Protein backbone atom coordinates (compact mmCIF):
# COMPACT_ATOMS: atom_id res chain seq x y z
CA MET A 1 18.76 15.45 14.03
CA ASN A 2 19.72 16.45 17.11
CA GLU A 3 16.68 15.98 19.23
CA GLY A 4 16.01 12.19 20.46
CA VAL A 5 12.59 11.16 18.12
CA ALA A 6 10.35 8.19 19.15
CA ILE A 7 9.17 5.43 15.69
CA PHE A 8 5.70 4.13 16.64
CA ASP A 9 4.30 1.03 14.22
CA LEU A 10 0.68 1.97 13.57
CA ASP A 11 -1.36 -2.20 13.53
CA ARG A 12 -0.80 -4.32 16.71
CA THR A 13 1.56 -2.35 18.38
CA LEU A 14 -0.04 0.70 19.52
CA THR A 15 -4.01 -0.49 17.84
CA ARG A 16 -5.10 -4.60 19.51
CA ARG A 17 -5.62 -5.72 15.36
CA ASP A 18 -5.10 -4.63 12.54
CA THR A 19 -6.81 -1.60 10.71
CA TYR A 20 -6.17 -2.23 6.95
CA VAL A 21 -9.24 -4.68 7.28
CA PRO A 22 -11.32 -3.16 9.63
CA PHE A 23 -11.07 -0.59 7.39
CA LEU A 24 -12.46 -0.87 4.84
CA PHE A 25 -15.04 -3.47 5.95
CA GLY A 26 -16.45 -0.55 7.62
CA TRP A 27 -16.90 0.60 3.68
CA PHE A 28 -18.78 -2.02 2.61
CA ILE A 29 -20.92 -1.83 5.09
CA ARG A 30 -21.91 1.57 5.10
CA HIS A 31 -21.82 0.65 0.23
CA PRO A 32 -23.39 -2.62 0.10
CA TRP A 33 -24.21 -2.91 -3.14
CA ILE A 34 -20.50 -2.79 -3.70
CA CYS A 35 -20.79 -6.65 -2.99
CA CYS A 36 -21.14 -7.87 -6.90
CA ARG A 37 -16.87 -6.27 -7.01
CA LEU A 38 -15.65 -8.19 -3.95
CA ALA A 39 -15.60 -11.30 -5.80
CA LYS A 40 -12.50 -10.34 -7.94
CA LEU A 41 -10.89 -10.30 -4.69
CA LEU A 42 -10.71 -13.61 -4.97
CA PHE A 43 -7.61 -14.24 -7.52
CA PRO A 44 -5.33 -12.30 -6.52
CA ALA A 45 -6.15 -13.36 -2.38
CA CYS A 46 -4.98 -16.94 -4.04
CA LEU A 47 -1.79 -16.31 -5.05
CA PHE A 48 -0.48 -13.23 -1.87
CA MET A 49 -0.60 -16.81 -0.24
CA CYS A 50 0.66 -18.56 -1.99
CA GLY A 51 3.42 -16.65 -2.32
CA LYS A 52 3.13 -14.94 -5.84
CA LEU A 53 1.63 -11.17 -4.74
CA ASP A 54 3.51 -8.73 -2.95
CA ASN A 55 2.11 -6.46 0.03
CA THR A 56 0.61 -3.37 -2.56
CA ALA A 57 -0.52 -5.44 -5.77
CA MET A 58 -2.59 -7.07 -2.72
CA LYS A 59 -3.63 -3.56 -0.95
CA GLU A 60 -4.22 -1.84 -4.18
CA ALA A 61 -6.09 -5.11 -5.28
CA CYS A 62 -8.32 -4.54 -2.13
CA LEU A 63 -8.38 -0.63 -2.24
CA THR A 64 -9.95 -0.63 -6.51
CA ALA A 65 -12.61 -3.44 -5.03
CA PHE A 66 -13.89 -1.79 -2.09
CA MET A 67 -13.37 2.14 -3.06
CA ALA A 68 -12.21 2.41 -6.31
CA GLY A 69 -13.85 5.20 -7.86
CA ALA A 70 -15.58 6.33 -4.30
CA ASP A 71 -16.28 10.19 -3.93
CA ARG A 72 -12.56 11.30 -1.89
CA GLN A 73 -14.73 13.84 -0.31
CA ARG A 74 -17.17 11.11 1.54
CA ALA A 75 -14.66 8.62 1.73
CA ASN A 76 -12.21 11.39 3.80
CA ALA A 77 -14.62 11.97 5.98
CA TYR A 78 -15.46 7.70 6.74
CA ALA A 79 -11.69 8.28 6.97
CA GLU A 80 -11.97 10.84 9.74
CA TRP A 81 -15.07 8.95 10.95
CA PHE A 82 -12.53 6.15 11.39
CA ALA A 83 -9.86 7.54 13.02
CA ARG A 84 -12.00 8.90 15.94
CA ARG A 85 -13.88 4.87 16.68
CA ILE A 86 -9.91 4.25 17.11
CA VAL A 87 -8.94 6.35 19.13
CA ARG A 88 -11.95 5.12 20.97
CA THR A 89 -11.40 1.69 21.06
CA GLY A 90 -9.32 0.00 19.00
CA LEU A 91 -5.99 0.93 21.38
CA ARG A 92 -3.37 -0.76 23.07
CA PRO A 93 -4.11 0.41 26.94
CA LYS A 94 -0.08 2.42 26.65
CA ALA A 95 -0.38 3.20 23.98
CA ARG A 96 -1.00 6.35 24.31
CA ILE A 97 1.15 7.03 27.80
CA ARG A 98 3.83 5.56 26.29
CA ILE A 99 3.20 8.48 23.53
CA GLU A 100 2.90 10.81 26.80
CA GLU A 101 5.83 10.38 27.81
CA HIS A 102 7.74 10.49 24.41
CA ARG A 103 6.18 13.71 24.50
CA GLN A 104 6.40 15.11 27.45
CA ARG A 105 10.98 14.53 26.95
CA GLY A 106 10.69 16.24 24.14
CA ASP A 107 11.08 13.71 21.98
CA ARG A 108 9.31 14.22 18.71
CA LEU A 109 6.92 11.73 17.54
CA ILE A 110 6.38 9.90 14.62
CA LEU A 111 3.69 7.58 13.40
CA ALA A 112 4.24 4.97 10.25
CA SER A 113 2.54 2.80 9.23
CA ALA A 114 1.74 0.23 6.19
CA SER A 115 -1.63 1.18 6.24
CA LEU A 116 -3.27 3.94 4.35
CA ASP A 117 -2.53 7.42 4.76
CA LEU A 118 -6.35 8.43 4.04
CA TYR A 119 -7.21 7.47 8.52
CA VAL A 120 -3.65 7.29 9.19
CA GLU A 121 -3.41 11.18 8.77
CA PRO A 122 -5.99 11.62 10.96
CA LEU A 123 -5.62 9.54 13.01
CA GLY A 124 -1.92 10.48 13.88
CA GLN A 125 -3.19 14.06 13.72
CA LEU A 126 -5.67 12.95 16.61
CA LEU A 127 -2.94 10.48 18.60
CA GLY A 128 -0.79 14.33 18.20
CA PHE A 129 2.23 12.52 15.79
CA ASP A 130 4.60 15.17 14.88
CA ARG A 131 4.53 13.10 11.43
CA VAL A 132 3.17 10.91 10.04
CA ILE A 133 4.27 8.75 7.32
CA ALA A 134 2.86 5.50 5.98
CA SER A 135 1.26 4.73 1.98
CA ARG A 136 -0.43 7.06 0.05
CA CYS A 137 -3.39 6.53 -1.57
CA ALA A 138 -3.26 7.36 -5.48
CA TYR A 139 -7.10 10.04 -6.12
CA ASP A 140 -8.59 9.65 -9.85
CA GLY A 141 -9.71 14.03 -10.03
CA LYS A 142 -12.27 13.81 -7.22
CA ALA A 143 -13.10 10.47 -6.84
CA VAL A 144 -10.35 7.43 -5.00
CA GLY A 145 -8.10 6.12 -7.55
CA GLY A 146 -7.33 2.29 -5.91
CA ARG A 147 -3.59 2.33 -6.81
CA LEU A 148 -0.74 3.56 -4.44
CA LEU A 149 1.13 6.93 -4.80
CA GLY A 150 4.47 4.02 -4.63
CA LYS A 151 5.40 0.50 -2.08
CA SER A 152 2.64 -0.51 0.59
CA LEU A 153 5.27 0.73 3.10
CA ARG A 154 6.79 -2.69 4.51
CA GLY A 155 9.76 -4.03 5.42
CA GLU A 156 12.33 -2.23 4.13
CA TYR A 157 10.36 0.03 1.77
CA LYS A 158 8.97 1.57 5.52
CA LEU A 159 13.15 2.48 6.36
CA GLN A 160 13.70 4.37 2.82
CA ALA A 161 10.51 6.69 3.55
CA ILE A 162 11.51 6.97 7.07
CA LEU A 163 15.62 7.69 6.50
CA ALA A 164 14.32 9.86 3.31
CA ALA A 165 12.44 12.13 6.41
CA LEU A 166 14.59 11.90 9.34
CA GLY A 167 18.29 11.89 7.08
CA ASN A 168 20.48 7.92 8.00
CA ASP A 169 21.22 8.43 11.65
CA GLY A 170 18.71 6.28 13.44
CA ALA A 171 21.17 6.64 17.08
CA LYS A 172 18.76 9.05 18.05
CA VAL A 173 15.69 6.98 17.16
CA ILE A 174 13.71 4.97 19.62
CA ALA A 175 12.07 2.51 17.39
CA TYR A 176 8.09 0.67 18.04
CA SER A 177 6.67 -2.38 16.80
CA ASP A 178 5.05 -5.91 16.93
CA HIS A 179 6.10 -7.60 13.35
CA ALA A 180 9.39 -8.74 11.77
CA SER A 181 7.74 -7.31 8.65
CA ASP A 182 9.67 -4.33 10.85
CA LEU A 183 13.32 -5.06 11.72
CA PRO A 184 14.88 -3.46 9.09
CA LEU A 185 13.75 -0.51 11.05
CA LEU A 186 13.71 -1.91 14.52
CA ARG A 187 17.83 -3.12 13.59
CA TRP A 188 18.44 0.80 12.47
CA ALA A 189 16.87 2.21 15.48
CA GLY A 190 19.31 3.26 18.42
CA LYS A 191 16.94 1.31 20.48
CA ALA A 192 14.49 -1.02 20.01
CA VAL A 193 11.34 -2.35 21.74
CA VAL A 194 9.24 -5.30 20.63
CA VAL A 195 5.69 -4.73 21.26
CA ASN A 196 2.99 -7.67 22.60
CA PRO A 197 4.42 -9.65 19.11
CA SER A 198 4.00 -13.42 18.39
CA SER A 199 5.69 -16.51 20.32
CA ARG A 200 7.80 -16.68 16.61
CA PHE A 201 9.17 -12.88 16.36
CA ALA A 202 9.46 -13.49 19.99
CA ILE A 203 12.15 -16.38 20.09
CA LYS A 204 12.85 -13.85 17.09
CA ALA A 205 13.38 -10.68 19.40
CA ILE A 206 14.73 -11.86 22.32
CA SER A 207 17.54 -14.13 19.71
CA LEU A 208 18.56 -10.24 18.62
CA GLY A 209 18.98 -9.37 22.00
CA LEU A 210 15.78 -6.23 21.27
CA GLU A 211 13.74 -5.75 24.14
CA ILE A 212 9.92 -7.00 24.98
CA GLN A 213 6.80 -4.75 26.34
CA ASN A 214 2.97 -5.60 27.26
CA TRP A 215 0.68 -3.08 26.36
CA ASN A 216 -1.70 -4.77 27.46
CA LYS A 217 -1.56 -4.55 30.78
């Protein structure tokens, strides 16, 4: 890995807020008859809030309730519309500026997210990223399967996916994230920038000597 690499988290780093719940809710608005399936989320949601269910299982439970069995072509069309909407209205003001700065330097641009590749892939293409690393949605023939291929790329799992793609040398990597779950990535990267963190994570970032930036101004 000779060139510089800039790795960007998606939710609340490039975007103002989480994208997974709005993505699923937007699908529900278009397919309100799935409401009878949503009651099945109550039990896994309680387990998740109590720490008895991990991020992968909760993400799969939501995907199953909202989209399992959906036509793949129709799901892709909706995902592309959703990605365009995020680019138009959902990005932090400085997000595209920072991406363009790295592009002008000749850095390789990587979008790394625990959110679904279903919409993160087209979003990355719209923003001009060289590569997208995201949680992978499984399919059952021509339908959305309701499960993930592998783990949700959160925490160590995200770093493992990045290492598989780039190798072990993080010296020339700059990583941007808003959340403590990305500390494995931030500690591995040669330079780490914490973007608009919560107050709690800001205190942690300062204690670790990490740079903090505000991308809302």
